[in-house]
C-alpha atoms as a PDB file:
ATOM      1  CA  MET A   1      93.845  93.755 128.052  1.00  0.00           C
ATOM      2  CA  ALA A   2      92.280  94.447 124.652  1.00  0.00           C
ATOM      3  CA  ASP A   3      95.642  93.951 122.985  1.00  0.00           C
ATOM      4  CA  ILE A   4      96.067  90.362 124.200  1.00  0.00           C
ATOM      5  CA  PRO A   5      94.521  87.942 121.700  1.00  0.00           C
ATOM      6  CA  THR A   6      92.005  85.493 123.093  1.00  0.00           C
ATOM      7  CA  LEU A   7      92.341  81.809 122.773  1.00  0.00           C
ATOM      8  CA  ASN A   8      89.454  81.721 120.275  1.00  0.00           C
ATOM      9  CA  ALA A   9      91.204  84.462 118.125  1.00  0.00           C
ATOM     10  CA  LEU A  10      94.398  82.393 118.063  1.00  0.00           C
ATOM     11  CA  ARG A  11      92.491  79.338 117.162  1.00  0.00           C
ATOM     12  CA  LEU A  12      90.699  81.180 114.307  1.00  0.00           C
ATOM     13  CA  GLY A  13      93.984  82.540 113.048  1.00  0.00           C
ATOM     14  CA  LEU A  14      95.645  79.111 113.114  1.00  0.00           C
ATOM     15  CA  SER A  15      92.648  77.639 111.324  1.00  0.00           C
ATOM     16  CA  ARG A  16      92.775  80.254 108.526  1.00  0.00           C
ATOM     17  CA  SER A  17      96.564  79.735 108.182  1.00  0.00           C
ATOM     18  CA  LYS A  18      96.071  75.942 107.892  1.00  0.00           C
ATOM     19  CA  ALA A  19      93.405  76.489 105.196  1.00  0.00           C
ATOM     20  CA  PHE A  20      95.739  78.732 103.183  1.00  0.00           C
ATOM     21  CA  SER A  21      98.654  76.362 103.535  1.00  0.00           C
ATOM     22  CA  GLY A  22      96.387  73.567 102.206  1.00  0.00           C
ATOM     23  CA  THR A  23      95.491  75.704  99.148  1.00  0.00           C
ATOM     24  CA  VAL A  24      99.158  76.320  98.361  1.00  0.00           C
ATOM     25  CA  ALA A  25     100.045  72.683  98.869  1.00  0.00           C
ATOM     26  CA  GLU A  26      97.184  71.581  96.629  1.00  0.00           C
ATOM     27  CA  ALA A  27      98.189  74.006  93.930  1.00  0.00           C
ATOM     28  CA  ALA A  28     101.778  72.703  94.049  1.00  0.00           C
ATOM     29  CA  ALA A  29     100.630  69.072  93.940  1.00  0.00           C
ATOM     30  CA  ASN A  30      98.393  69.828  90.935  1.00  0.00           C
ATOM     31  CA  ALA A  31     101.240  71.533  89.101  1.00  0.00           C
ATOM     32  CA  ILE A  32     103.651  68.608  89.919  1.00  0.00           C
ATOM     33  CA  SER A  33     101.043  66.106  88.679  1.00  0.00           C
ATOM     34  CA  GLU A  34     100.654  67.955  85.377  1.00  0.00           C
ATOM     35  CA  LEU A  35     104.392  68.005  84.933  1.00  0.00           C
ATOM     36  CA  ASP A  36     104.992  64.378  85.911  1.00  0.00           C
ATOM     37  CA  GLY A  37     107.044  62.531  83.363  1.00  0.00           C
ATOM     38  CA  VAL A  38     108.098  65.633  81.464  1.00  0.00           C
ATOM     39  CA  LYS A  39     111.809  66.249  81.066  1.00  0.00           C
ATOM     40  CA  MET A  40     112.828  69.763  82.117  1.00  0.00           C
ATOM     41  CA  ASP A  41     116.025  71.146  80.724  1.00  0.00           C
ATOM     42  CA  LYS A  42     116.053  74.835  81.851  1.00  0.00           C
ATOM     43  CA  SER A  43     114.175  77.244  84.088  1.00  0.00           C
ATOM     44  CA  ARG A  44     114.048  80.997  84.437  1.00  0.00           C
ATOM     45  CA  ALA A  45     111.912  83.695  86.056  1.00  0.00           C
ATOM     46  CA  THR A  46     110.413  86.701  84.374  1.00  0.00           C
ATOM     47  CA  SER A  47     108.956  89.676  86.212  1.00  0.00           C
ATOM     48  CA  VAL A  48     105.829  90.972  84.626  1.00  0.00           C
ATOM     49  CA  MET A  49     102.893  93.325  85.213  1.00  0.00           C
ATOM     50  CA  ILE A  50      99.498  91.595  84.526  1.00  0.00           C
ATOM     51  CA  PRO A  51      97.238  94.236  83.043  1.00  0.00           C
ATOM     52  CA  THR A  52      93.557  94.925  83.524  1.00  0.00           C
ATOM     53  CA  GLU A  53      92.935  95.566  79.708  1.00  0.00           C
ATOM     54  CA  GLY A  54      93.524  93.482  76.647  1.00  0.00           C
ATOM     55  CA  TRP A  55      92.030  90.279  77.898  1.00  0.00           C
ATOM     56  CA  GLN A  56      90.258  87.890  75.527  1.00  0.00           C
ATOM     57  CA  SER A  57      87.800  85.081  76.221  1.00  0.00           C
ATOM     58  CA  ASP A  58      87.094  81.599  74.959  1.00  0.00           C
ATOM     59  CA  ASP A  59      85.036  78.515  75.868  1.00  0.00           C
ATOM     60  CA  ASN A  60      87.320  77.368  78.793  1.00  0.00           C
ATOM     61  CA  ALA A  61      84.696  76.672  81.492  1.00  0.00           C
ATOM     62  CA  ASP A  62      86.920  77.247  84.550  1.00  0.00           C
ATOM     63  CA  TYR A  63      89.103  80.130  83.327  1.00  0.00           C
ATOM     64  CA  PRO A  64      87.366  81.752  80.334  1.00  0.00           C
ATOM     65  CA  LEU A  65      89.455  84.975  80.294  1.00  0.00           C
ATOM     66  CA  TYR A  66      93.051  84.968  79.055  1.00  0.00           C
ATOM     67  CA  TYR A  67      95.879  87.234  78.304  1.00  0.00           C
ATOM     68  CA  ASP A  68      98.882  86.388  76.152  1.00  0.00           C
ATOM     69  CA  MET A  69     101.898  87.870  77.910  1.00  0.00           C
ATOM     70  CA  ALA A  70     104.787  88.255  75.470  1.00  0.00           C
ATOM     71  CA  VAL A  71     107.900  86.452  76.891  1.00  0.00           C
ATOM     72  CA  GLU A  72     111.011  86.295  74.722  1.00  0.00           C
ATOM     73  CA  GLY A  73     112.258  82.758  74.129  1.00  0.00           C
ATOM     74  CA  VAL A  74     109.284  80.820  75.419  1.00  0.00           C
ATOM     75  CA  THR A  75     107.899  78.014  73.224  1.00  0.00           C
ATOM     76  CA  ALA A  76     104.787  75.892  73.142  1.00  0.00           C
ATOM     77  CA  LYS A  77     106.898  73.014  74.593  1.00  0.00           C
ATOM     78  CA  ASP A  78     107.613  74.999  77.784  1.00  0.00           C
ATOM     79  CA  PHE A  79     105.689  75.114  80.981  1.00  0.00           C
ATOM     80  CA  ALA A  80     104.939  78.256  83.004  1.00  0.00           C
ATOM     81  CA  VAL A  81     103.716  78.891  86.556  1.00  0.00           C
ATOM     82  CA  VAL A  82     102.608  82.415  87.698  1.00  0.00           C
ATOM     83  CA  ALA A  83     103.444  83.544  91.263  1.00  0.00           C
ATOM     84  CA  ILE A  84     102.013  86.704  92.893  1.00  0.00           C
ATOM     85  CA  GLN A  85     102.055  88.022  96.394  1.00  0.00           C
ATOM     86  CA  GLU A  86      98.282  88.599  96.594  1.00  0.00           C
ATOM     87  CA  ASP A  87      95.782  85.807  97.065  1.00  0.00           C
ATOM     88  CA  ILE A  88      95.974  84.197  93.664  1.00  0.00           C
ATOM     89  CA  ASP A  89      92.789  82.159  94.257  1.00  0.00           C
ATOM     90  CA  ALA A  90      90.804  85.276  95.334  1.00  0.00           C
ATOM     91  CA  LEU A  91      91.938  86.985  92.092  1.00  0.00           C
ATOM     92  CA  GLY A  92      90.749  83.885  90.085  1.00  0.00           C
ATOM     93  CA  ILE A  93      94.184  83.452  88.379  1.00  0.00           C
ATOM     94  CA  LYS A  94      95.198  79.972  87.379  1.00  0.00           C
ATOM     95  CA  HIS A  95      98.604  78.920  88.729  1.00  0.00           C
ATOM     96  CA  LEU A  96      99.790  76.782  85.842  1.00  0.00           C
ATOM     97  CA  CYS A  97      99.871  78.819  82.611  1.00  0.00           C
ATOM     98  CA  GLU A  98      99.723  77.689  78.978  1.00  0.00           C
ATOM     99  CA  THR A  99     102.558  78.407  76.712  1.00  0.00           C
ATOM    100  CA  ILE A 100     102.573  79.412  73.023  1.00  0.00           C
ATOM    101  CA  ASP A 101     105.492  80.357  70.891  1.00  0.00           C
ATOM    102  CA  GLY A 102     106.591  83.777  72.200  1.00  0.00           C
ATOM    103  CA  ALA A 103     103.955  84.158  74.933  1.00  0.00           C
ATOM    104  CA  VAL A 104     102.663  82.792  78.236  1.00  0.00           C
ATOM    105  CA  ARG A 105      98.905  82.576  78.345  1.00  0.00           C
ATOM    106  CA  ILE A 106      97.613  83.685  81.744  1.00  0.00           C
ATOM    107  CA  ARG A 107      94.049  82.669  82.606  1.00  0.00           C
ATOM    108  CA  THR A 108      91.548  83.950  85.150  1.00  0.00           C
ATOM    109  CA  ASN A 109      87.864  83.384  85.915  1.00  0.00           C
ATOM    110  CA  LYS A 110      87.078  87.070  86.531  1.00  0.00           C
ATOM    111  CA  ALA A 111      88.220  90.489  85.354  1.00  0.00           C
ATOM    112  CA  LEU A 112      91.130  92.016  87.276  1.00  0.00           C
ATOM    113  CA  SER A 113      90.337  95.325  88.961  1.00  0.00           C
ATOM    114  CA  SER A 114      93.973  96.423  89.216  1.00  0.00           C
ATOM    115  CA  VAL A 115      97.366  95.733  87.617  1.00  0.00           C
ATOM    116  CA  ILE A 116      99.169  92.873  89.351  1.00  0.00           C
ATOM    117  CA  SER A 117     102.932  92.449  89.763  1.00  0.00           C
ATOM    118  CA  ALA A 118     103.922  88.859  89.192  1.00  0.00           C
ATOM    119  CA  THR A 119     106.698  86.490  88.484  1.00  0.00           C
ATOM    120  CA  ILE A 120     106.332  83.902  85.743  1.00  0.00           C
ATOM    121  CA  TRP A 121     108.536  80.828  86.149  1.00  0.00           C
ATOM    122  CA  ILE A 122     109.350  79.259  82.744  1.00  0.00           C
ATOM    123  CA  LEU A 123     110.251  75.564  82.848  1.00  0.00           C
ATOM    124  CA  GLY A 124     111.789  74.363  79.584  1.00  0.00           C
ATOM    125  CA  GLY A 125     110.348  71.104  78.398  1.00  0.00           C
ATOM    126  CA  GLU A 126     111.081  68.759  75.620  1.00  0.00           C
END
């Protein structure tokens, strides 16, 4: 009988699942709000490994650590979203990235303890 989940265990699992779904939906809504009214003319995905070393810091209060990931063809007019399989919020990584000519700036609010495999979606803007 120990292998059969109790009703309370099922309720707890459902509650956690709802909370995670809400986090994902909120992140998507925030990204869409930031992109509202911007014309997109192209999109592409780039697989990257986010390193633990080489990060810099600035005065950004929410995400003070950043890493400029070189991505060929990206411009400051583009938009970028990072997607990883791990819990992105637990890692402190910001979903919507900044872009500069030749790089995507990934931000986090704490140092990474291991290299992270990720996909960066580049959305071309005008």
